């Protein structure tokens, strides 16, 4: 979240699913989500979804397929916590 392309998170090559959660500290209005892959490692994400926590339950907000260099999802929701789930890579 430092806007540096060289800052990225990746699992080991043999791990094909995973998730990462971001706590925004306070509830915010979200207009969309931008996801990028670190292309020097190759295009790895085949299927993903973005979710958000509504009070105490996780809600599925955005389903998605490949990401590639950059995928922009336009969806409005209000939340303090966002989750990116990689369901297949």
C-alpha atoms as a PDB file:
ATOM      1  CA  UNK A   1       0.000   0.000   0.000  1.00  0.00           C
ATOM      2  CA  UNK A   2       3.005   2.186  -0.566  1.00  0.00           C
ATOM      3  CA  UNK A   3       2.364   2.642  -4.327  1.00  0.00           C
ATOM      4  CA  UNK A   4       5.692   0.958  -5.161  1.00  0.00           C
ATOM      5  CA  UNK A   5       5.476  -1.625  -7.968  1.00  0.00           C
ATOM      6  CA  UNK A   6       8.308  -3.617  -6.383  1.00  0.00           C
ATOM      7  CA  UNK A   7       6.279  -4.114  -3.175  1.00  0.00           C
ATOM      8  CA  UNK A   8       4.119  -7.218  -3.560  1.00  0.00           C
ATOM      9  CA  UNK A   9       2.795 -10.291  -1.795  1.00  0.00           C
ATOM     10  CA  UNK A  10       3.106 -13.724  -3.358  1.00  0.00           C
ATOM     11  CA  UNK A  11       2.627 -17.296  -2.226  1.00  0.00           C
ATOM     12  CA  UNK A  12       5.009 -20.121  -3.118  1.00  0.00           C
ATOM     13  CA  UNK A  13       4.600 -21.453  -6.665  1.00  0.00           C
ATOM     14  CA  UNK A  14       2.861 -24.641  -5.482  1.00  0.00           C
ATOM     15  CA  UNK A  15       0.177 -22.724  -3.523  1.00  0.00           C
ATOM     16  CA  UNK A  16      -2.822 -22.067  -5.795  1.00  0.00           C
ATOM     17  CA  UNK A  17      -5.278 -20.430  -3.381  1.00  0.00           C
ATOM     18  CA  UNK A  18      -5.046 -17.849  -0.639  1.00  0.00           C
ATOM     19  CA  UNK A  19      -6.373 -14.594   0.697  1.00  0.00           C
ATOM     20  CA  UNK A  20      -5.273 -11.277   2.090  1.00  0.00           C
ATOM     21  CA  UNK A  21      -7.297  -8.929   4.284  1.00  0.00           C
ATOM     22  CA  UNK A  22      -6.911  -5.187   4.703  1.00  0.00           C
ATOM     23  CA  UNK A  23      -8.226  -3.333   7.759  1.00  0.00           C
ATOM     24  CA  UNK A  24      -8.853   0.313   6.865  1.00  0.00           C
ATOM     25  CA  UNK A  25      -9.000   1.275  10.589  1.00  0.00           C
ATOM     26  CA  UNK A  26     -12.381   2.988  10.146  1.00  0.00           C
ATOM     27  CA  UNK A  27     -15.381   2.396   7.923  1.00  0.00           C
ATOM     28  CA  UNK A  28     -15.012   4.013   4.499  1.00  0.00           C
ATOM     29  CA  UNK A  29     -17.044   4.419   1.318  1.00  0.00           C
ATOM     30  CA  UNK A  30     -15.368   2.323  -1.390  1.00  0.00           C
ATOM     31  CA  UNK A  31     -15.982   3.122  -5.068  1.00  0.00           C
ATOM     32  CA  UNK A  32     -13.868   0.349  -6.543  1.00  0.00           C
ATOM     33  CA  UNK A  33     -10.935  -2.003  -6.114  1.00  0.00           C
ATOM     34  CA  UNK A  34      -7.712  -2.157  -8.148  1.00  0.00           C
ATOM     35  CA  UNK A  35      -5.747  -5.419  -8.171  1.00  0.00           C
ATOM     36  CA  UNK A  36      -2.354  -5.841  -9.831  1.00  0.00           C
ATOM     37  CA  UNK A  37      -0.112  -8.847 -10.326  1.00  0.00           C
ATOM     38  CA  UNK A  38       3.654  -8.585 -10.194  1.00  0.00           C
ATOM     39  CA  UNK A  39       4.170  -9.496 -13.844  1.00  0.00           C
ATOM     40  CA  UNK A  40       7.885 -10.471 -13.566  1.00  0.00           C
ATOM     41  CA  UNK A  41       6.568 -13.583 -11.746  1.00  0.00           C
ATOM     42  CA  UNK A  42       4.090 -14.212 -14.598  1.00  0.00           C
ATOM     43  CA  UNK A  43       0.325 -14.025 -14.741  1.00  0.00           C
ATOM     44  CA  UNK A  44      -0.766 -16.369 -11.982  1.00  0.00           C
ATOM     45  CA  UNK A  45      -4.300 -15.508 -10.865  1.00  0.00           C
ATOM     46  CA  UNK A  46      -6.998 -17.385 -12.799  1.00  0.00           C
ATOM     47  CA  UNK A  47      -9.963 -16.670 -10.516  1.00  0.00           C
ATOM     48  CA  UNK A  48     -10.557 -14.384  -7.558  1.00  0.00           C
ATOM     49  CA  UNK A  49     -13.188 -12.544  -5.576  1.00  0.00           C
ATOM     50  CA  UNK A  50     -13.280  -9.432  -3.426  1.00  0.00           C
ATOM     51  CA  UNK A  51     -15.335  -9.345  -0.263  1.00  0.00           C
ATOM     52  CA  UNK A  52     -16.072  -6.910   2.510  1.00  0.00           C
ATOM     53  CA  UNK A  53     -17.129  -7.231   6.126  1.00  0.00           C
ATOM     54  CA  UNK A  54     -20.613  -5.891   6.828  1.00  0.00           C
ATOM     55  CA  UNK A  55     -20.823  -5.639  10.630  1.00  0.00           C
ATOM     56  CA  UNK A  56     -19.722  -9.172  11.580  1.00  0.00           C
ATOM     57  CA  UNK A  57     -20.382 -11.109   8.340  1.00  0.00           C
ATOM     58  CA  UNK A  58     -18.297 -11.289   5.175  1.00  0.00           C
ATOM     59  CA  UNK A  59     -20.138 -10.423   1.966  1.00  0.00           C
ATOM     60  CA  UNK A  60     -19.051 -11.278  -1.563  1.00  0.00           C
ATOM     61  CA  UNK A  61     -18.858  -8.005  -3.480  1.00  0.00           C
ATOM     62  CA  UNK A  62     -17.000  -8.739  -6.695  1.00  0.00           C
ATOM     63  CA  UNK A  63     -16.281 -11.997  -8.555  1.00  0.00           C
ATOM     64  CA  UNK A  64     -13.399 -11.985 -11.019  1.00  0.00           C
ATOM     65  CA  UNK A  65     -11.292 -14.085 -13.355  1.00  0.00           C
ATOM     66  CA  UNK A  66      -7.739 -13.298 -14.472  1.00  0.00           C
ATOM     67  CA  UNK A  67      -5.984 -10.187 -13.151  1.00  0.00           C
ATOM     68  CA  UNK A  68      -2.879  -9.741 -15.296  1.00  0.00           C
ATOM     69  CA  UNK A  69      -1.077  -6.424 -14.972  1.00  0.00           C
ATOM     70  CA  UNK A  70      -4.140  -4.643 -13.591  1.00  0.00           C
ATOM     71  CA  UNK A  71      -7.817  -5.366 -12.983  1.00  0.00           C
ATOM     72  CA  UNK A  72     -10.179  -2.577 -11.946  1.00  0.00           C
ATOM     73  CA  UNK A  73     -13.503  -3.489 -10.356  1.00  0.00           C
ATOM     74  CA  UNK A  74     -16.044  -0.668  -9.976  1.00  0.00           C
ATOM     75  CA  UNK A  75     -18.382  -1.458  -7.098  1.00  0.00           C
ATOM     76  CA  UNK A  76     -19.652   0.778  -4.299  1.00  0.00           C
ATOM     77  CA  UNK A  77     -19.814  -0.459  -0.723  1.00  0.00           C
ATOM     78  CA  UNK A  78     -19.023   0.762   2.776  1.00  0.00           C
ATOM     79  CA  UNK A  79     -16.699  -1.217   5.006  1.00  0.00           C
ATOM     80  CA  UNK A  80     -13.721  -1.194   7.336  1.00  0.00           C
ATOM     81  CA  UNK A  81     -12.337  -4.543   6.143  1.00  0.00           C
ATOM     82  CA  UNK A  82     -11.724  -5.784   2.604  1.00  0.00           C
ATOM     83  CA  UNK A  83     -10.631  -9.297   1.593  1.00  0.00           C
ATOM     84  CA  UNK A  84      -9.072 -10.503  -1.678  1.00  0.00           C
ATOM     85  CA  UNK A  85      -9.529 -14.259  -2.125  1.00  0.00           C
ATOM     86  CA  UNK A  86      -7.559 -16.120  -4.801  1.00  0.00           C
ATOM     87  CA  UNK A  87      -9.679 -19.164  -5.593  1.00  0.00           C
ATOM     88  CA  UNK A  88      -7.532 -20.534  -8.431  1.00  0.00           C
ATOM     89  CA  UNK A  89      -4.086 -19.727  -9.811  1.00  0.00           C
END
